[in-house]
Amino acid sequence: MKRRDRVVRWLVPLGGGVLVALSLPPFGLWPLALLGVSLLAWALRDRSVGGRAAAGFLAGVGQFAIGLAWADKFTFLGYGGLIVLHSAMFAVACAFVPRGPARVPALAALLTLAEWVRERWPFGGVPPGGIALGQVSGPLVGTARIGGTVLLVGVTYLAGAALGDLAVTWLRRRRTHGRVHDHGLIGCWVSLAIAVALAVWGAFAADGGPPLRTLRVAIVQGGGRRGLSDLQVPASVVYAAALRTTTRVRPPVDLVLWPEDVVALGQPLKGSPEAAQLSEIARSLHTTLVAGITEPVGTTQFRNEIVAYSPSGALVAVFEKVHRVPFGEYVPWRSLFSHLANLEAIPRDAISGHGSGMMATPVGPVAVLVSYETFFPDRGRSGVRAGGQLILVPTNTSSYSSEQAPAQEMAASRLQAIEEGRDLLQAAPTGYSTVVDNHGDVLQQTPLSASAVLRATVPLRDGATLYARVGDLPTVLLALCAVLAGWVLAIVERRRERRKGLRKNGSPAPMR
């Protein structure tokens, strides 16, 4: 192979990963994901195990170097580590892609399993930057009602890989005047048909059912400067902005939603001046007020909680965040990483909660996802299965100076609304705050940094999507079966080709 051809073959998977990254928010060019996967599928053809692993690693670098660029705001070392680790997962997946007629479904299944693992390990998983976030405005997104994000990922890889393989085969046939025969074509067409069928099914699948009743809601975004730490944007400034903006809320209003940790306390909530102020707001507006607070626990820990006050001013519900942000809210293996990076910006570790996420409030049961939790489908499913009829996402994305993290988080929230068949309210100190319906459509959205109040009338629902009923397990099992079937067919095909070769070389044909 010429040197130029070798360079092109290495650039193709890297470029494919870059195209997937450009399909993600804030770019949002969803068709590029299919093209990026197609390029990766082409790059894997006719390669050794090591070549396939290298191509998968390069695709991961292209995707995650861009898709996780927000992570360097925490630590550049951690950002680089995430790129290497997640790219290595793609490398392993691609190394195990079999040759033969089932290579396309096997490739899609292996990459889907890699994404599924990435959402769970290490440190509880780091799902941002995943291919599903770019498909929230595409035609495949309805599959999330059937099998959640993991099925949406699988269908995206399936369609992209099938299209790529079909294109390569067509080009080879043109070059050889139709003399190329590829047993994998059947697998490509079947894969494409499955992707289309699932997309059609998803478009008409159960979506949470009709409204039970409606709520008048107000989402408060204080606005102001965006920054990474209390030194850049003092907590007192964030709290003052929320108080000031809340004065623009006018009754009647059933629910007022504040962002995550907008009330940063130096003492326990009970008996604090802030508790009295929150109680007075709920009482004066005769509303249920849901707000995010943090309170210290000793000298090394803190709690990140969502509290609800009733129209009478009483504290009626508390939920403690379960999925913490690694290197943002806590430092895993702190004693080790303290030698590798400056951890002064994270002096305390958040305590992990254990609740389902359902909060019983005066306006009804709601499923609460605190910021980072919205990237985890199991957290939304947990709260909805426990009875949540509306999803609330109090978040704090003012920690990120760029648009990327807020845009990806909003895409994740839209996916949660689709997966669970629930309308969703998201509140952030400086954006994005949004109102999303149960089909994932954004009905209202604030600009970044603006002081704003979103007013809306939203329905409560109690119907269940198929995903809310069955979760990820069926899709994961199907992916494992597809990989196993791919390898079985590859072995059968290899033996058949070997027998053909023996006959061609003059060996006697087997007796019948």
Protein backbone atom coordinates (compact mmCIF):
# COMPACT_ATOMS: atom_id res chain seq x y z
CA MET A 1 0.00 0.00 0.00
CA LYS A 2 1.28 3.44 -0.93
CA ARG A 3 2.17 5.86 1.84
CA ARG A 4 -0.60 8.25 0.76
CA ASP A 5 -3.17 5.45 0.96
CA ARG A 6 -1.97 4.51 4.44
CA VAL A 7 -2.33 8.11 5.63
CA VAL A 8 -5.83 8.29 4.20
CA ARG A 9 -6.83 5.05 5.90
CA TRP A 10 -5.76 6.47 9.27
CA LEU A 11 -7.39 9.84 8.68
CA VAL A 12 -10.73 8.30 7.71
CA PRO A 13 -11.66 6.92 11.18
CA LEU A 14 -10.35 10.06 12.86
CA GLY A 15 -12.49 12.15 10.53
CA GLY A 16 -15.45 9.88 11.22
CA GLY A 17 -15.11 10.58 14.93
CA VAL A 18 -14.92 14.32 14.27
CA LEU A 19 -18.14 14.14 12.23
CA VAL A 20 -19.89 12.38 15.11
CA ALA A 21 -18.67 15.14 17.45
CA LEU A 22 -20.09 17.77 15.09
CA SER A 23 -23.47 16.04 15.24
CA LEU A 24 -23.58 16.75 18.99
CA PRO A 25 -24.79 19.97 20.62
CA PRO A 26 -24.05 22.80 20.34
CA PHE A 27 -23.37 22.06 16.64
CA GLY A 28 -26.39 19.77 16.31
CA LEU A 29 -25.77 18.54 12.74
CA TRP A 30 -27.39 15.14 13.37
CA PRO A 31 -26.89 13.61 9.85
CA LEU A 32 -23.11 13.88 10.31
CA ALA A 33 -23.25 11.07 12.87
CA LEU A 34 -24.47 8.63 10.21
CA LEU A 35 -21.71 9.78 7.87
CA GLY A 36 -19.10 9.48 10.64
CA VAL A 37 -20.16 5.93 11.48
CA SER A 38 -20.12 5.08 7.77
CA LEU A 39 -16.50 6.22 7.53
CA LEU A 40 -15.56 4.10 10.53
CA ALA A 41 -17.27 1.05 9.02
CA TRP A 42 -15.29 1.59 5.81
CA ALA A 43 -12.04 2.00 7.76
CA LEU A 44 -12.55 -1.36 9.49
CA ARG A 45 -12.93 -3.41 6.32
CA ASP A 46 -10.15 -5.82 5.41
CA ARG A 47 -8.05 -4.89 8.43
CA SER A 48 -6.28 -7.02 10.99
CA VAL A 49 -7.36 -7.07 14.63
CA GLY A 50 -4.69 -4.49 15.48
CA GLY A 51 -5.71 -2.30 12.55
CA ARG A 52 -9.35 -2.40 13.60
CA ALA A 53 -8.41 -1.49 17.18
CA ALA A 54 -6.31 1.44 15.97
CA ALA A 55 -9.14 2.67 13.75
CA GLY A 56 -11.60 2.48 16.64
CA PHE A 57 -9.22 4.36 18.91
CA LEU A 58 -8.77 7.14 16.35
CA ALA A 59 -12.54 7.42 15.89
CA GLY A 60 -12.88 7.80 19.65
CA VAL A 61 -10.20 10.50 19.77
CA GLY A 62 -11.98 12.45 17.03
CA GLN A 63 -15.30 12.22 18.85
CA PHE A 64 -14.30 12.76 22.47
CA ALA A 65 -11.58 15.38 22.03
CA ILE A 66 -14.35 17.64 20.75
CA GLY A 67 -17.40 16.15 22.48
CA LEU A 68 -15.83 16.31 25.96
CA ALA A 69 -13.97 19.60 25.51
CA TRP A 70 -15.92 21.08 28.46
CA ALA A 71 -14.07 18.68 30.81
CA ASP A 72 -10.79 20.58 30.59
CA LYS A 73 -12.41 23.27 32.77
CA PHE A 74 -12.09 20.83 35.70
CA THR A 75 -8.63 19.48 34.96
CA PHE A 76 -6.73 19.11 31.72
CA LEU A 77 -5.22 15.87 33.00
CA GLY A 78 -8.69 14.44 33.58
CA TYR A 79 -9.84 15.64 30.16
CA GLY A 80 -6.94 13.81 28.49
CA GLY A 81 -7.61 10.73 30.59
CA LEU A 82 -11.26 10.63 29.53
CA ILE A 83 -10.31 10.85 25.86
CA VAL A 84 -7.83 7.99 26.15
CA LEU A 85 -10.10 5.79 28.27
CA HIS A 86 -13.22 6.21 26.16
CA SER A 87 -11.28 5.86 22.92
CA ALA A 88 -9.79 2.64 24.28
CA MET A 89 -13.34 1.32 24.78
CA PHE A 90 -14.03 1.97 21.11
CA ALA A 91 -10.73 0.30 20.21
CA VAL A 92 -11.71 -2.87 22.05
CA ALA A 93 -15.15 -2.85 20.44
CA CYS A 94 -13.74 -2.46 16.93
CA ALA A 95 -11.04 -5.09 17.48
CA PHE A 96 -13.74 -7.71 18.05
CA VAL A 97 -15.76 -6.92 14.91
CA PRO A 98 -15.95 -10.17 12.92
CA ARG A 99 -15.60 -10.44 9.19
CA GLY A 100 -18.35 -12.01 7.17
CA PRO A 101 -22.04 -11.50 6.48
CA ALA A 102 -23.00 -10.18 9.95
CA ARG A 103 -20.17 -7.66 10.38
CA VAL A 104 -22.51 -4.62 10.24
CA PRO A 105 -24.93 -5.66 13.02
CA ALA A 106 -21.97 -6.94 15.04
CA LEU A 107 -20.16 -3.60 14.68
CA ALA A 108 -23.28 -1.69 15.73
CA ALA A 109 -23.80 -4.01 18.69
CA LEU A 110 -20.18 -3.76 19.87
CA LEU A 111 -20.14 0.04 19.69
CA THR A 112 -23.49 0.14 21.49
CA LEU A 113 -22.07 -2.02 24.28
CA ALA A 114 -19.04 0.28 24.46
CA GLU A 115 -21.33 3.29 24.93
CA TRP A 116 -23.35 1.38 27.52
CA VAL A 117 -20.19 0.62 29.50
CA ARG A 118 -19.01 4.23 29.11
CA GLU A 119 -22.24 5.42 30.77
CA ARG A 120 -21.47 3.29 33.83
CA TRP A 121 -17.70 3.09 34.29
CA PRO A 122 -15.44 4.44 35.67
CA PHE A 123 -16.60 6.59 38.59
CA GLY A 124 -20.26 5.81 37.85
CA GLY A 125 -19.87 6.72 34.17
CA VAL A 126 -19.35 9.86 32.09
CA PRO A 127 -22.14 9.84 29.45
CA PRO A 128 -21.67 13.35 27.94
CA GLY A 129 -20.21 13.37 24.44
CA GLY A 130 -22.18 10.25 23.42
CA ILE A 131 -23.63 9.85 19.95
CA ALA A 132 -27.25 9.76 21.19
CA LEU A 133 -27.18 13.44 22.19
CA GLY A 134 -26.84 14.45 18.55
CA GLN A 135 -29.88 12.44 17.47
CA VAL A 136 -32.44 14.19 19.68
CA SER A 137 -33.67 16.23 16.68
CA GLY A 138 -33.26 13.40 14.15
CA PRO A 139 -35.77 10.84 12.82
CA LEU A 140 -34.44 7.97 14.96
CA VAL A 141 -35.07 9.59 18.34
CA GLY A 142 -38.46 7.92 18.86
CA THR A 143 -36.66 4.63 19.47
CA ALA A 144 -35.76 6.02 22.92
CA ARG A 145 -39.39 5.38 23.94
CA ILE A 146 -38.86 1.70 23.14
CA GLY A 147 -35.39 0.99 24.50
CA GLY A 148 -34.02 4.23 25.89
CA THR A 149 -30.77 5.88 24.93
CA VAL A 150 -29.02 2.53 24.49
CA LEU A 151 -31.45 1.53 21.70
CA LEU A 152 -31.15 4.96 20.08
CA VAL A 153 -27.37 4.51 20.08
CA GLY A 154 -27.70 1.03 18.57
CA VAL A 155 -30.06 2.12 15.81
CA THR A 156 -27.81 5.07 14.91
CA TYR A 157 -24.76 2.81 14.63
CA LEU A 158 -26.78 0.21 12.73
CA ALA A 159 -28.02 2.69 10.12
CA GLY A 160 -24.65 4.42 9.75
CA ALA A 161 -22.64 1.21 9.43
CA ALA A 162 -25.11 -0.30 6.94
CA LEU A 163 -25.05 2.80 4.75
CA GLY A 164 -21.25 2.89 4.87
CA ASP A 165 -20.89 -0.76 3.92
CA LEU A 166 -23.39 -0.44 1.08
CA ALA A 167 -21.56 2.60 -0.27
CA VAL A 168 -18.17 0.84 -0.19
CA THR A 169 -19.54 -2.24 -1.92
CA TRP A 170 -21.17 -0.12 -4.62
CA LEU A 171 -17.89 1.73 -5.25
CA ARG A 172 -15.95 -1.53 -5.46
CA ARG A 173 -18.45 -2.98 -7.91
CA ARG A 174 -18.18 0.07 -10.12
CA ARG A 175 -14.40 -0.19 -10.06
CA THR A 176 -14.43 -3.91 -10.94
CA HIS A 177 -17.44 -3.75 -13.31
CA GLY A 178 -19.64 -5.78 -10.99
CA ARG A 179 -17.24 -8.62 -10.30
CA VAL A 180 -17.24 -8.11 -6.51
CA HIS A 181 -19.51 -10.47 -4.59
CA ASP A 182 -20.05 -9.61 -0.95
CA HIS A 183 -22.03 -11.91 1.35
CA GLY A 184 -22.30 -9.00 3.81
CA LEU A 185 -24.78 -7.16 1.59
CA ILE A 186 -27.68 -9.16 2.98
CA GLY A 187 -26.65 -8.16 6.49
CA CYS A 188 -26.47 -4.50 5.41
CA TRP A 189 -29.95 -4.48 3.90
CA VAL A 190 -31.42 -6.33 6.88
CA SER A 191 -29.71 -3.89 9.27
CA LEU A 192 -31.08 -0.91 7.37
CA ALA A 193 -34.56 -2.40 7.33
CA ILE A 194 -34.42 -3.01 11.09
CA ALA A 195 -33.30 0.58 11.74
CA VAL A 196 -36.15 1.97 9.63
CA ALA A 197 -38.72 -0.35 11.24
CA LEU A 198 -37.61 0.65 14.75
CA ALA A 199 -37.72 4.35 13.81
CA VAL A 200 -41.31 3.97 12.54
CA TRP A 201 -42.31 1.99 15.64
CA GLY A 202 -40.73 4.63 17.88
CA ALA A 203 -42.65 7.42 16.18
CA PHE A 204 -45.95 5.79 17.19
CA ALA A 205 -44.94 4.13 20.48
CA ALA A 206 -46.60 4.93 23.81
CA ASP A 207 -45.60 8.43 24.95
CA GLY A 208 -46.83 8.77 28.52
CA GLY A 209 -50.52 8.99 27.82
CA PRO A 210 -53.02 11.85 28.01
CA PRO A 211 -52.74 14.61 30.64
CA LEU A 212 -54.26 13.97 34.06
CA ARG A 213 -54.41 17.67 34.88
CA THR A 214 -52.28 20.76 34.39
CA LEU A 215 -50.05 22.94 36.56
CA ARG A 216 -49.21 26.63 36.27
CA VAL A 217 -45.45 26.80 36.68
CA ALA A 218 -42.67 29.39 36.81
CA ILE A 219 -38.98 28.63 36.24
CA VAL A 220 -36.57 31.15 37.75
CA GLN A 221 -33.20 31.87 36.12
CA GLY A 222 -31.29 34.52 38.04
CA GLY A 223 -28.82 35.23 35.25
CA GLY A 224 -25.48 37.00 35.43
CA ARG A 225 -21.88 36.00 34.96
CA ARG A 226 -20.89 32.43 34.19
CA GLY A 227 -17.89 30.92 35.94
CA LEU A 228 -16.23 27.81 37.32
CA SER A 229 -15.87 28.54 41.03
CA ASP A 230 -17.09 30.63 43.93
CA LEU A 231 -14.09 32.89 43.36
CA GLN A 232 -15.35 33.75 39.88
CA VAL A 233 -19.05 33.93 40.76
CA PRO A 234 -19.68 34.16 44.53
CA ALA A 235 -22.55 32.05 45.84
CA SER A 236 -24.07 35.13 47.44
CA VAL A 237 -24.36 36.76 44.00
CA VAL A 238 -26.14 33.69 42.57
CA TYR A 239 -28.58 33.61 45.49
CA ALA A 240 -29.26 37.35 45.29
CA ALA A 241 -29.97 37.05 41.56
CA ALA A 242 -32.49 34.26 42.20
CA LEU A 243 -34.24 36.30 44.90
CA ARG A 244 -34.35 39.37 42.68
CA THR A 245 -35.73 37.49 39.68
CA THR A 246 -38.36 35.70 41.79
CA THR A 247 -39.97 39.08 42.56
CA ARG A 248 -41.18 39.00 38.92
CA VAL A 249 -43.25 35.86 39.56
CA ARG A 250 -46.91 36.73 39.95
CA PRO A 251 -49.64 34.45 41.34
CA PRO A 252 -51.56 32.38 40.64
CA VAL A 253 -48.78 29.83 40.23
CA ASP A 254 -48.80 26.22 41.41
CA LEU A 255 -45.07 25.47 41.20
CA VAL A 256 -41.93 27.64 41.24
CA LEU A 257 -38.67 25.90 40.28
CA TRP A 258 -35.25 27.22 41.29
CA PRO A 259 -31.92 25.80 40.03
CA GLU A 260 -29.51 23.39 41.73
CA ASP A 261 -27.34 24.66 44.64
CA VAL A 262 -28.52 28.23 44.21
CA VAL A 263 -28.69 28.32 48.00
CA ALA A 264 -25.14 27.54 49.16
CA LEU A 265 -25.22 27.35 52.95
CA GLY A 266 -22.45 27.54 55.51
CA GLN A 267 -24.66 25.82 58.09
CA PRO A 268 -27.55 23.31 58.08
CA LEU A 269 -30.72 24.50 56.35
CA LYS A 270 -32.90 24.16 59.43
CA GLY A 271 -32.90 27.41 61.36
CA SER A 272 -30.92 29.34 58.73
CA PRO A 273 -31.98 32.78 57.41
CA GLU A 274 -32.21 31.24 53.92
CA ALA A 275 -34.73 28.68 55.12
CA ALA A 276 -36.92 31.49 56.44
CA GLN A 277 -36.67 33.32 53.11
CA LEU A 278 -37.58 30.24 51.07
CA SER A 279 -40.53 29.57 53.36
CA GLU A 280 -41.72 33.17 52.98
CA ILE A 281 -41.50 33.01 49.17
CA ALA A 282 -43.67 29.88 49.07
CA ARG A 283 -46.14 31.41 51.50
CA SER A 284 -46.37 34.82 49.79
CA LEU A 285 -46.92 33.29 46.34
CA HIS A 286 -49.10 30.51 47.80
CA THR A 287 -47.09 28.04 45.74
CA THR A 288 -44.94 24.95 46.00
CA LEU A 289 -41.32 26.11 45.81
CA VAL A 290 -38.66 23.60 44.72
CA ALA A 291 -35.05 24.77 45.14
CA GLY A 292 -31.52 23.38 45.20
CA ILE A 293 -29.38 23.81 48.31
CA THR A 294 -25.98 22.70 49.53
CA GLU A 295 -25.13 22.37 53.22
CA PRO A 296 -21.87 21.33 54.90
CA VAL A 297 -21.40 18.03 56.71
CA GLY A 298 -18.32 18.31 58.90
CA THR A 299 -15.20 19.79 57.34
CA THR A 300 -14.74 17.46 54.35
CA GLN A 301 -18.24 16.72 52.98
CA PHE A 302 -21.45 18.42 51.89
CA ARG A 303 -24.96 17.53 50.80
CA ASN A 304 -26.44 18.54 47.45
CA GLU A 305 -30.19 18.51 47.98
CA ILE A 306 -33.44 19.56 46.40
CA VAL A 307 -36.04 20.80 48.88
CA ALA A 308 -39.74 21.51 48.46
CA TYR A 309 -41.77 24.04 50.47
CA SER A 310 -45.55 23.94 50.54
CA PRO A 311 -47.85 26.96 50.05
CA SER A 312 -48.05 27.18 53.85
CA GLY A 313 -44.26 27.63 54.04
CA ALA A 314 -43.50 24.19 55.49
CA LEU A 315 -40.59 22.06 54.30
CA VAL A 316 -42.38 18.98 52.92
CA ALA A 317 -39.83 17.00 50.88
CA VAL A 318 -36.06 16.57 50.47
CA PHE A 319 -34.12 14.66 47.82
CA GLU A 320 -30.35 14.18 47.88
CA LYS A 321 -28.48 13.96 44.56
CA VAL A 322 -27.38 10.41 43.73
CA HIS A 323 -25.08 10.69 40.69
CA ARG A 324 -22.25 13.04 41.63
CA VAL A 325 -19.93 14.69 39.10
CA PRO A 326 -16.46 13.10 39.40
CA PHE A 327 -13.78 15.79 39.82
CA GLY A 328 -16.59 18.34 40.04
CA GLU A 329 -18.53 17.43 43.19
CA TYR A 330 -16.14 14.84 44.56
CA VAL A 331 -12.67 13.53 43.89
CA PRO A 332 -12.35 9.75 43.63
CA TRP A 333 -9.10 8.41 45.06
CA ARG A 334 -8.39 11.88 46.42
CA SER A 335 -5.08 10.90 48.04
CA LEU A 336 -3.76 9.70 44.67
CA PHE A 337 -5.04 12.54 42.51
CA SER A 338 -3.85 15.17 44.98
CA HIS A 339 -0.31 14.37 43.76
CA LEU A 340 -1.32 14.78 40.11
CA ALA A 341 -3.51 17.91 40.12
CA ASN A 342 -4.47 20.94 42.20
CA LEU A 343 -7.66 20.01 44.06
CA GLU A 344 -8.17 23.29 45.93
CA ALA A 345 -11.29 24.03 43.83
CA ILE A 346 -12.94 20.87 45.24
CA PRO A 347 -12.17 21.02 48.99
CA ARG A 348 -15.22 18.92 50.00
CA ASP A 349 -16.80 15.77 48.59
CA ALA A 350 -20.53 15.54 48.01
CA ILE A 351 -22.34 12.75 49.83
CA SER A 352 -24.18 10.45 47.44
CA GLY A 353 -27.91 10.06 48.02
CA HIS A 354 -29.89 6.84 47.55
CA GLY A 355 -33.46 7.84 46.71
CA SER A 356 -35.51 6.97 43.63
CA GLY A 357 -35.79 10.64 42.69
CA MET A 358 -39.54 10.83 43.25
CA MET A 359 -40.61 13.70 45.48
CA ALA A 360 -44.14 13.85 46.88
CA THR A 361 -45.10 17.53 46.70
CA PRO A 362 -48.39 19.42 47.22
CA VAL A 363 -48.80 19.69 43.41
CA GLY A 364 -48.29 15.96 42.89
CA PRO A 365 -45.48 13.41 42.64
CA VAL A 366 -42.53 14.62 40.57
CA ALA A 367 -39.37 12.86 39.35
CA VAL A 368 -36.27 14.94 40.15
CA LEU A 369 -33.01 14.72 38.20
CA VAL A 370 -30.32 16.95 39.66
CA SER A 371 -28.15 18.38 36.87
CA TYR A 372 -25.66 15.65 35.86
CA GLU A 373 -28.26 12.99 36.64
CA THR A 374 -30.18 13.92 33.50
CA PHE A 375 -27.47 12.17 31.44
CA PHE A 376 -28.37 8.85 33.12
CA PRO A 377 -31.55 7.22 31.75
CA ASP A 378 -31.88 4.97 34.79
CA ARG A 379 -32.32 8.00 37.07
CA GLY A 380 -35.34 9.31 35.13
CA ARG A 381 -36.79 5.82 34.90
CA SER A 382 -36.35 5.34 38.65
CA GLY A 383 -38.29 8.48 39.52
CA VAL A 384 -41.07 7.85 37.00
CA ARG A 385 -41.54 4.21 38.00
CA ALA A 386 -41.85 5.41 41.61
CA GLY A 387 -44.80 7.57 40.53
CA GLY A 388 -43.35 10.81 39.13
CA GLN A 389 -45.83 12.54 36.83
CA LEU A 390 -43.57 15.43 35.81
CA ILE A 391 -39.78 15.60 35.52
CA LEU A 392 -37.88 18.45 37.21
CA VAL A 393 -34.24 19.14 36.39
CA PRO A 394 -32.73 21.74 38.73
CA THR A 395 -29.19 22.24 37.43
CA ASN A 396 -26.13 24.42 37.74
CA THR A 397 -24.38 24.78 34.40
CA SER A 398 -22.98 28.21 35.23
CA SER A 399 -19.83 26.25 36.03
CA TYR A 400 -19.11 26.15 32.29
CA SER A 401 -18.13 29.28 30.43
CA SER A 402 -18.90 27.82 26.98
CA GLU A 403 -22.22 26.79 25.45
CA GLN A 404 -21.23 23.14 25.00
CA ALA A 405 -22.12 21.68 28.41
CA PRO A 406 -25.49 23.48 28.71
CA ALA A 407 -26.42 22.45 25.16
CA GLN A 408 -25.52 18.80 25.76
CA GLU A 409 -27.37 18.82 29.06
CA MET A 410 -30.48 20.20 27.38
CA ALA A 411 -30.28 17.42 24.76
CA ALA A 412 -30.02 14.86 27.59
CA SER A 413 -33.09 16.37 29.26
CA ARG A 414 -35.02 16.16 26.00
CA LEU A 415 -34.09 12.48 25.75
CA GLN A 416 -35.31 11.93 29.32
CA ALA A 417 -38.69 13.46 28.40
CA ILE A 418 -38.99 11.13 25.40
CA GLU A 419 -37.77 8.01 27.23
CA GLU A 420 -40.17 8.47 30.14
CA GLY A 421 -43.13 10.07 28.36
CA ARG A 422 -43.14 13.04 30.74
CA ASP A 423 -43.12 16.80 30.32
CA LEU A 424 -39.96 18.31 31.80
CA LEU A 425 -38.91 21.57 33.44
CA GLN A 426 -35.24 22.54 33.71
CA ALA A 427 -33.95 25.46 35.77
CA ALA A 428 -30.36 26.76 35.66
CA PRO A 429 -28.79 29.85 37.27
CA THR A 430 -27.61 31.23 33.92
CA GLY A 431 -29.10 28.82 31.37
CA TYR A 432 -30.32 26.91 29.71
CA SER A 433 -33.68 26.86 31.49
CA THR A 434 -36.33 25.09 29.43
CA VAL A 435 -39.85 23.76 29.15
CA VAL A 436 -39.92 20.46 27.23
CA ASP A 437 -42.96 18.37 26.31
CA ASN A 438 -43.20 14.58 26.44
CA HIS A 439 -42.09 14.32 22.79
CA GLY A 440 -38.82 16.10 23.56
CA ASP A 441 -39.82 19.33 21.84
CA VAL A 442 -38.49 22.52 23.45
CA LEU A 443 -41.48 24.80 24.06
CA GLN A 444 -39.53 27.57 25.81
CA GLN A 445 -35.85 28.26 26.37
CA THR A 446 -33.92 31.08 28.02
CA PRO A 447 -30.81 32.74 26.58
CA LEU A 448 -27.55 32.12 28.41
CA SER A 449 -26.74 34.58 31.23
CA ALA A 450 -30.15 36.28 31.03
CA SER A 451 -32.31 37.02 34.06
CA ALA A 452 -35.59 35.38 33.12
CA VAL A 453 -38.80 33.78 34.33
CA LEU A 454 -40.40 31.13 32.14
CA ARG A 455 -44.15 30.77 32.69
CA ALA A 456 -46.01 27.79 31.34
CA THR A 457 -48.94 25.46 31.85
CA VAL A 458 -47.74 21.85 31.84
CA PRO A 459 -49.58 18.53 32.15
CA LEU A 460 -49.06 15.73 34.62
CA ARG A 461 -49.07 12.20 33.12
CA ASP A 462 -49.07 8.69 34.53
CA GLY A 463 -48.79 6.51 31.40
CA ALA A 464 -45.68 4.40 30.83
CA THR A 465 -43.47 4.11 27.78
CA LEU A 466 -42.09 0.70 26.87
CA TYR A 467 -38.66 1.83 28.06
CA ALA A 468 -40.05 2.87 31.44
CA ARG A 469 -41.42 -0.67 31.79
CA VAL A 470 -38.46 -2.77 30.61
CA GLY A 471 -35.31 -0.61 30.84
CA ASP A 472 -31.98 -1.33 29.13
CA LEU A 473 -31.67 -5.08 29.64
CA PRO A 474 -33.51 -6.30 26.49
CA THR A 475 -31.40 -4.08 24.22
CA VAL A 476 -28.15 -5.08 25.91
CA LEU A 477 -29.04 -8.77 25.55
CA LEU A 478 -29.91 -8.27 21.87
CA ALA A 479 -26.55 -6.57 21.34
CA LEU A 480 -24.72 -9.48 22.96
CA CYS A 481 -26.67 -11.94 20.78
CA ALA A 482 -25.80 -9.93 17.66
CA VAL A 483 -22.10 -10.10 18.51
CA LEU A 484 -22.28 -13.84 19.16
CA ALA A 485 -24.23 -14.45 15.94
CA GLY A 486 -21.73 -12.35 14.00
CA TRP A 487 -18.83 -14.46 15.18
CA VAL A 488 -20.66 -17.75 14.55
CA LEU A 489 -21.49 -16.69 10.99
CA ALA A 490 -17.92 -15.46 10.46
CA ILE A 491 -16.54 -18.86 11.50
CA VAL A 492 -19.01 -20.67 9.24
CA GLU A 493 -18.11 -18.38 6.33
CA ARG A 494 -14.38 -18.91 6.92
CA ARG A 495 -14.78 -22.69 6.86
CA ARG A 496 -16.87 -22.50 3.70
CA GLU A 497 -14.23 -20.40 1.98
CA ARG A 498 -11.53 -22.83 3.12
CA ARG A 499 -13.42 -25.76 1.63
CA LYS A 500 -13.82 -23.83 -1.62
CA GLY A 501 -10.11 -23.18 -1.69
CA LEU A 502 -9.32 -26.84 -1.18
CA ARG A 503 -11.56 -27.88 -4.08
CA LYS A 504 -10.09 -25.20 -6.33
CA ASN A 505 -6.60 -26.48 -5.62
CA GLY A 506 -7.51 -30.00 -6.69
CA SER A 507 -8.38 -31.60 -3.40
CA PRO A 508 -11.12 -34.20 -3.61
CA ALA A 509 -14.59 -33.00 -2.82
CA PRO A 510 -16.17 -34.46 0.29
CA MET A 511 -18.32 -37.58 -0.23
CA ARG A 512 -22.07 -37.06 0.02
